[in-house]
Every structure is written in structure tokens, then in C-alpha cells.
Amino acid sequence: MKKMNLLASLMLAVLIASCSSSPERLLIGKWNPTGKTAQDADAPSQLEFTKDKMKMTMGGMSIEMAYQWVADDKIEMNMMGHADIKVDKKSLTMTVAGDANTFERAK
């Protein structure tokens, strides 16, 4: 019986770990620009993602728009069209119309 409980506990831990690292969950939060994106005057100064909305802050103004996942690595935004997404716990690369922008998770 102890082996069965241990096995069930391990399976649950693996399931929880795999869910928490899905792109949908990793994207949620605030992101600050890095590298070339941070130096671009036309780039957003911060992105904030919730489950279904993105808030983009630029020059003291904020724009909020809905988005939805259309693939494991692609979202569709109601104002900007499709974006390819590469995200992990610390970094985000968002490519819109061939222009890649990089961000780091805000602390």
C-alpha cells in the first residue's frame, strides 16, 4: 500500500510540474524589454499578460487587448494579429510580422 501511495504521489507531482510550465501559464505576468527591444523608442516599456488580455504600456499610455492561443507557440491578438511566442520562466520573445522583441520577467 505504501508503494501505491508513493507512486500516486510521484505521478501527481509530475502532473503538477508539467501543468505549471505550459506556455499559457508561463506567459502570465509582467514583462520588461531587454536588449535591442529596450533601446527601441517604438517598443513597449512593459507588457502584462493575464489569462486572456494583454496590457501594453508605451510612453505613459496603456493599451489593453484580448488575445487567445491558436497554437502552442502562437497567439492571436484582436488589434495586432498573430504573434509567435517563445517563453520560459525568465524570458519572452514575441515576434510580430517578422519583428522579434525580447523581454524579461519583471521582478
C-alpha atoms as a PDB file:
ATOM      1  CA  MET A   1       0.000   0.000   0.000  1.00  0.00           C
ATOM      2  CA  LYS A   2       2.897   2.360   0.777  1.00  0.00           C
ATOM      3  CA  LYS A   3       4.339   1.764  -2.695  1.00  0.00           C
ATOM      4  CA  MET A   4       0.964   2.594  -4.268  1.00  0.00           C
ATOM      5  CA  ASN A   5       0.736   5.861  -2.278  1.00  0.00           C
ATOM      6  CA  LEU A   6       4.302   6.774  -3.245  1.00  0.00           C
ATOM      7  CA  LEU A   7       3.605   6.054  -6.905  1.00  0.00           C
ATOM      8  CA  ALA A   8       0.398   8.113  -6.828  1.00  0.00           C
ATOM      9  CA  SER A   9       2.252  10.996  -5.137  1.00  0.00           C
ATOM     10  CA  LEU A  10       5.011  10.929  -7.747  1.00  0.00           C
ATOM     11  CA  MET A  11       2.523  10.883 -10.607  1.00  0.00           C
ATOM     12  CA  LEU A  12       0.663  13.843  -9.091  1.00  0.00           C
ATOM     13  CA  ALA A  13       3.933  15.786  -8.685  1.00  0.00           C
ATOM     14  CA  VAL A  14       4.840  15.162 -12.342  1.00  0.00           C
ATOM     15  CA  LEU A  15       1.373  16.251 -13.470  1.00  0.00           C
ATOM     16  CA  ILE A  16       1.532  19.481 -11.444  1.00  0.00           C
ATOM     17  CA  ALA A  17       5.048  20.251 -12.694  1.00  0.00           C
ATOM     18  CA  SER A  18       4.056  19.739 -16.326  1.00  0.00           C
ATOM     19  CA  CYS A  19       0.990  21.981 -15.992  1.00  0.00           C
ATOM     20  CA  SER A  20       2.872  24.826 -14.343  1.00  0.00           C
ATOM     21  CA  SER A  21       5.369  25.076 -17.202  1.00  0.00           C
ATOM     22  CA  SER A  22       2.875  25.302 -20.066  1.00  0.00           C
ATOM     23  CA  PRO A  23       3.343  28.356 -22.317  1.00  0.00           C
ATOM     24  CA  GLU A  24      -0.120  29.582 -21.326  1.00  0.00           C
ATOM     25  CA  ARG A  25       0.842  29.711 -17.643  1.00  0.00           C
ATOM     26  CA  LEU A  26       4.387  30.965 -18.198  1.00  0.00           C
ATOM     27  CA  LEU A  27       3.184  33.936 -20.252  1.00  0.00           C
ATOM     28  CA  ILE A  28       1.038  35.339 -17.436  1.00  0.00           C
ATOM     29  CA  GLY A  29       2.738  38.211 -15.620  1.00  0.00           C
ATOM     30  CA  LYS A  30       4.616  41.448 -16.281  1.00  0.00           C
ATOM     31  CA  TRP A  31       7.481  41.649 -18.781  1.00  0.00           C
ATOM     32  CA  ASN A  32      10.130  44.367 -19.280  1.00  0.00           C
ATOM     33  CA  PRO A  33      12.009  44.857 -22.577  1.00  0.00           C
ATOM     34  CA  THR A  34      15.629  43.711 -22.921  1.00  0.00           C
ATOM     35  CA  GLY A  35      18.420  44.093 -25.458  1.00  0.00           C
ATOM     36  CA  LYS A  36      17.530  45.797 -28.742  1.00  0.00           C
ATOM     37  CA  THR A  37      13.865  45.973 -27.705  1.00  0.00           C
ATOM     38  CA  ALA A  38      14.747  48.092 -24.638  1.00  0.00           C
ATOM     39  CA  GLN A  39      16.624  50.572 -26.873  1.00  0.00           C
ATOM     40  CA  ASP A  40      13.812  50.889 -29.437  1.00  0.00           C
ATOM     41  CA  ALA A  41      11.798  54.066 -28.824  1.00  0.00           C
ATOM     42  CA  ASP A  42       8.747  52.479 -30.515  1.00  0.00           C
ATOM     43  CA  ALA A  43       8.836  49.339 -28.343  1.00  0.00           C
ATOM     44  CA  PRO A  44       6.558  48.920 -25.338  1.00  0.00           C
ATOM     45  CA  SER A  45       8.071  49.784 -21.960  1.00  0.00           C
ATOM     46  CA  GLN A  46       6.176  46.885 -20.376  1.00  0.00           C
ATOM     47  CA  LEU A  47       3.800  44.055 -21.287  1.00  0.00           C
ATOM     48  CA  GLU A  48       1.401  42.481 -18.830  1.00  0.00           C
ATOM     49  CA  PHE A  49      -0.442  39.266 -19.665  1.00  0.00           C
ATOM     50  CA  THR A  50      -3.428  37.840 -17.836  1.00  0.00           C
ATOM     51  CA  LYS A  51      -5.263  34.673 -18.857  1.00  0.00           C
ATOM     52  CA  ASP A  52      -6.919  36.359 -21.857  1.00  0.00           C
ATOM     53  CA  LYS A  53      -5.776  40.002 -22.025  1.00  0.00           C
ATOM     54  CA  MET A  54      -2.542  41.810 -22.793  1.00  0.00           C
ATOM     55  CA  LYS A  55      -1.799  45.294 -21.498  1.00  0.00           C
ATOM     56  CA  MET A  56       0.930  47.142 -23.382  1.00  0.00           C
ATOM     57  CA  THR A  57       2.421  50.278 -21.815  1.00  0.00           C
ATOM     58  CA  MET A  58       4.202  52.756 -24.081  1.00  0.00           C
ATOM     59  CA  GLY A  59       5.288  56.270 -23.169  1.00  0.00           C
ATOM     60  CA  GLY A  60       2.905  56.604 -20.230  1.00  0.00           C
ATOM     61  CA  MET A  61      -0.083  55.264 -22.184  1.00  0.00           C
ATOM     62  CA  SER A  62      -1.569  51.794 -21.849  1.00  0.00           C
ATOM     63  CA  ILE A  63      -3.460  49.762 -24.412  1.00  0.00           C
ATOM     64  CA  GLU A  64      -5.345  46.638 -23.413  1.00  0.00           C
ATOM     65  CA  MET A  65      -6.376  43.980 -25.899  1.00  0.00           C
ATOM     66  CA  ALA A  66      -7.770  40.480 -25.831  1.00  0.00           C
ATOM     67  CA  TYR A  67      -5.691  37.562 -27.063  1.00  0.00           C
ATOM     68  CA  GLN A  68      -6.132  33.826 -27.469  1.00  0.00           C
ATOM     69  CA  TRP A  69      -3.797  30.913 -28.028  1.00  0.00           C
ATOM     70  CA  VAL A  70      -4.101  29.449 -31.533  1.00  0.00           C
ATOM     71  CA  ALA A  71      -1.140  27.025 -31.192  1.00  0.00           C
ATOM     72  CA  ASP A  72       1.406  26.063 -28.526  1.00  0.00           C
ATOM     73  CA  ASP A  73       3.676  28.872 -29.707  1.00  0.00           C
ATOM     74  CA  LYS A  74       1.284  31.388 -31.288  1.00  0.00           C
ATOM     75  CA  ILE A  75      -1.293  33.860 -30.037  1.00  0.00           C
ATOM     76  CA  GLU A  76      -3.804  35.969 -31.916  1.00  0.00           C
ATOM     77  CA  MET A  77      -4.412  39.493 -30.615  1.00  0.00           C
ATOM     78  CA  ASN A  78      -7.535  41.400 -31.566  1.00  0.00           C
ATOM     79  CA  MET A  79      -5.590  44.568 -32.566  1.00  0.00           C
ATOM     80  CA  MET A  80      -2.211  43.277 -33.734  1.00  0.00           C
ATOM     81  CA  GLY A  81      -2.879  39.918 -35.372  1.00  0.00           C
ATOM     82  CA  HIS A  82      -0.680  36.856 -34.782  1.00  0.00           C
ATOM     83  CA  ALA A  83       2.473  36.700 -32.662  1.00  0.00           C
ATOM     84  CA  ASP A  84       4.915  33.838 -32.293  1.00  0.00           C
ATOM     85  CA  ILE A  85       5.719  33.257 -28.624  1.00  0.00           C
ATOM     86  CA  LYS A  86       8.782  31.685 -27.023  1.00  0.00           C
ATOM     87  CA  VAL A  87       8.504  31.841 -23.254  1.00  0.00           C
ATOM     88  CA  ASP A  88      10.150  30.330 -20.213  1.00  0.00           C
ATOM     89  CA  LYS A  89      10.246  31.316 -16.544  1.00  0.00           C
ATOM     90  CA  LYS A  90      12.588  34.264 -17.120  1.00  0.00           C
ATOM     91  CA  SER A  91      12.360  35.360 -20.751  1.00  0.00           C
ATOM     92  CA  LEU A  92       9.847  36.050 -23.514  1.00  0.00           C
ATOM     93  CA  THR A  93      10.425  36.513 -27.235  1.00  0.00           C
ATOM     94  CA  MET A  94       7.395  37.816 -29.090  1.00  0.00           C
ATOM     95  CA  THR A  95       7.617  38.024 -32.886  1.00  0.00           C
ATOM     96  CA  VAL A  96       5.022  40.093 -34.733  1.00  0.00           C
ATOM     97  CA  ALA A  97       5.232  40.500 -38.524  1.00  0.00           C
ATOM     98  CA  GLY A  98       8.821  39.227 -38.517  1.00  0.00           C
ATOM     99  CA  ASP A  99       9.979  41.698 -35.830  1.00  0.00           C
ATOM    100  CA  ALA A 100      11.248  39.871 -32.716  1.00  0.00           C
ATOM    101  CA  ASN A 101      11.066  41.635 -29.352  1.00  0.00           C
ATOM    102  CA  THR A 102      12.664  40.275 -26.185  1.00  0.00           C
ATOM    103  CA  PHE A 103      11.513  40.705 -22.600  1.00  0.00           C
ATOM    104  CA  GLU A 104      12.440  39.525 -19.123  1.00  0.00           C
ATOM    105  CA  ARG A 105      10.008  38.785 -16.333  1.00  0.00           C
ATOM    106  CA  ALA A 106       9.501  41.848 -14.110  1.00  0.00           C
ATOM    107  CA  LYS A 107      10.529  41.417 -10.509  1.00  0.00           C
END
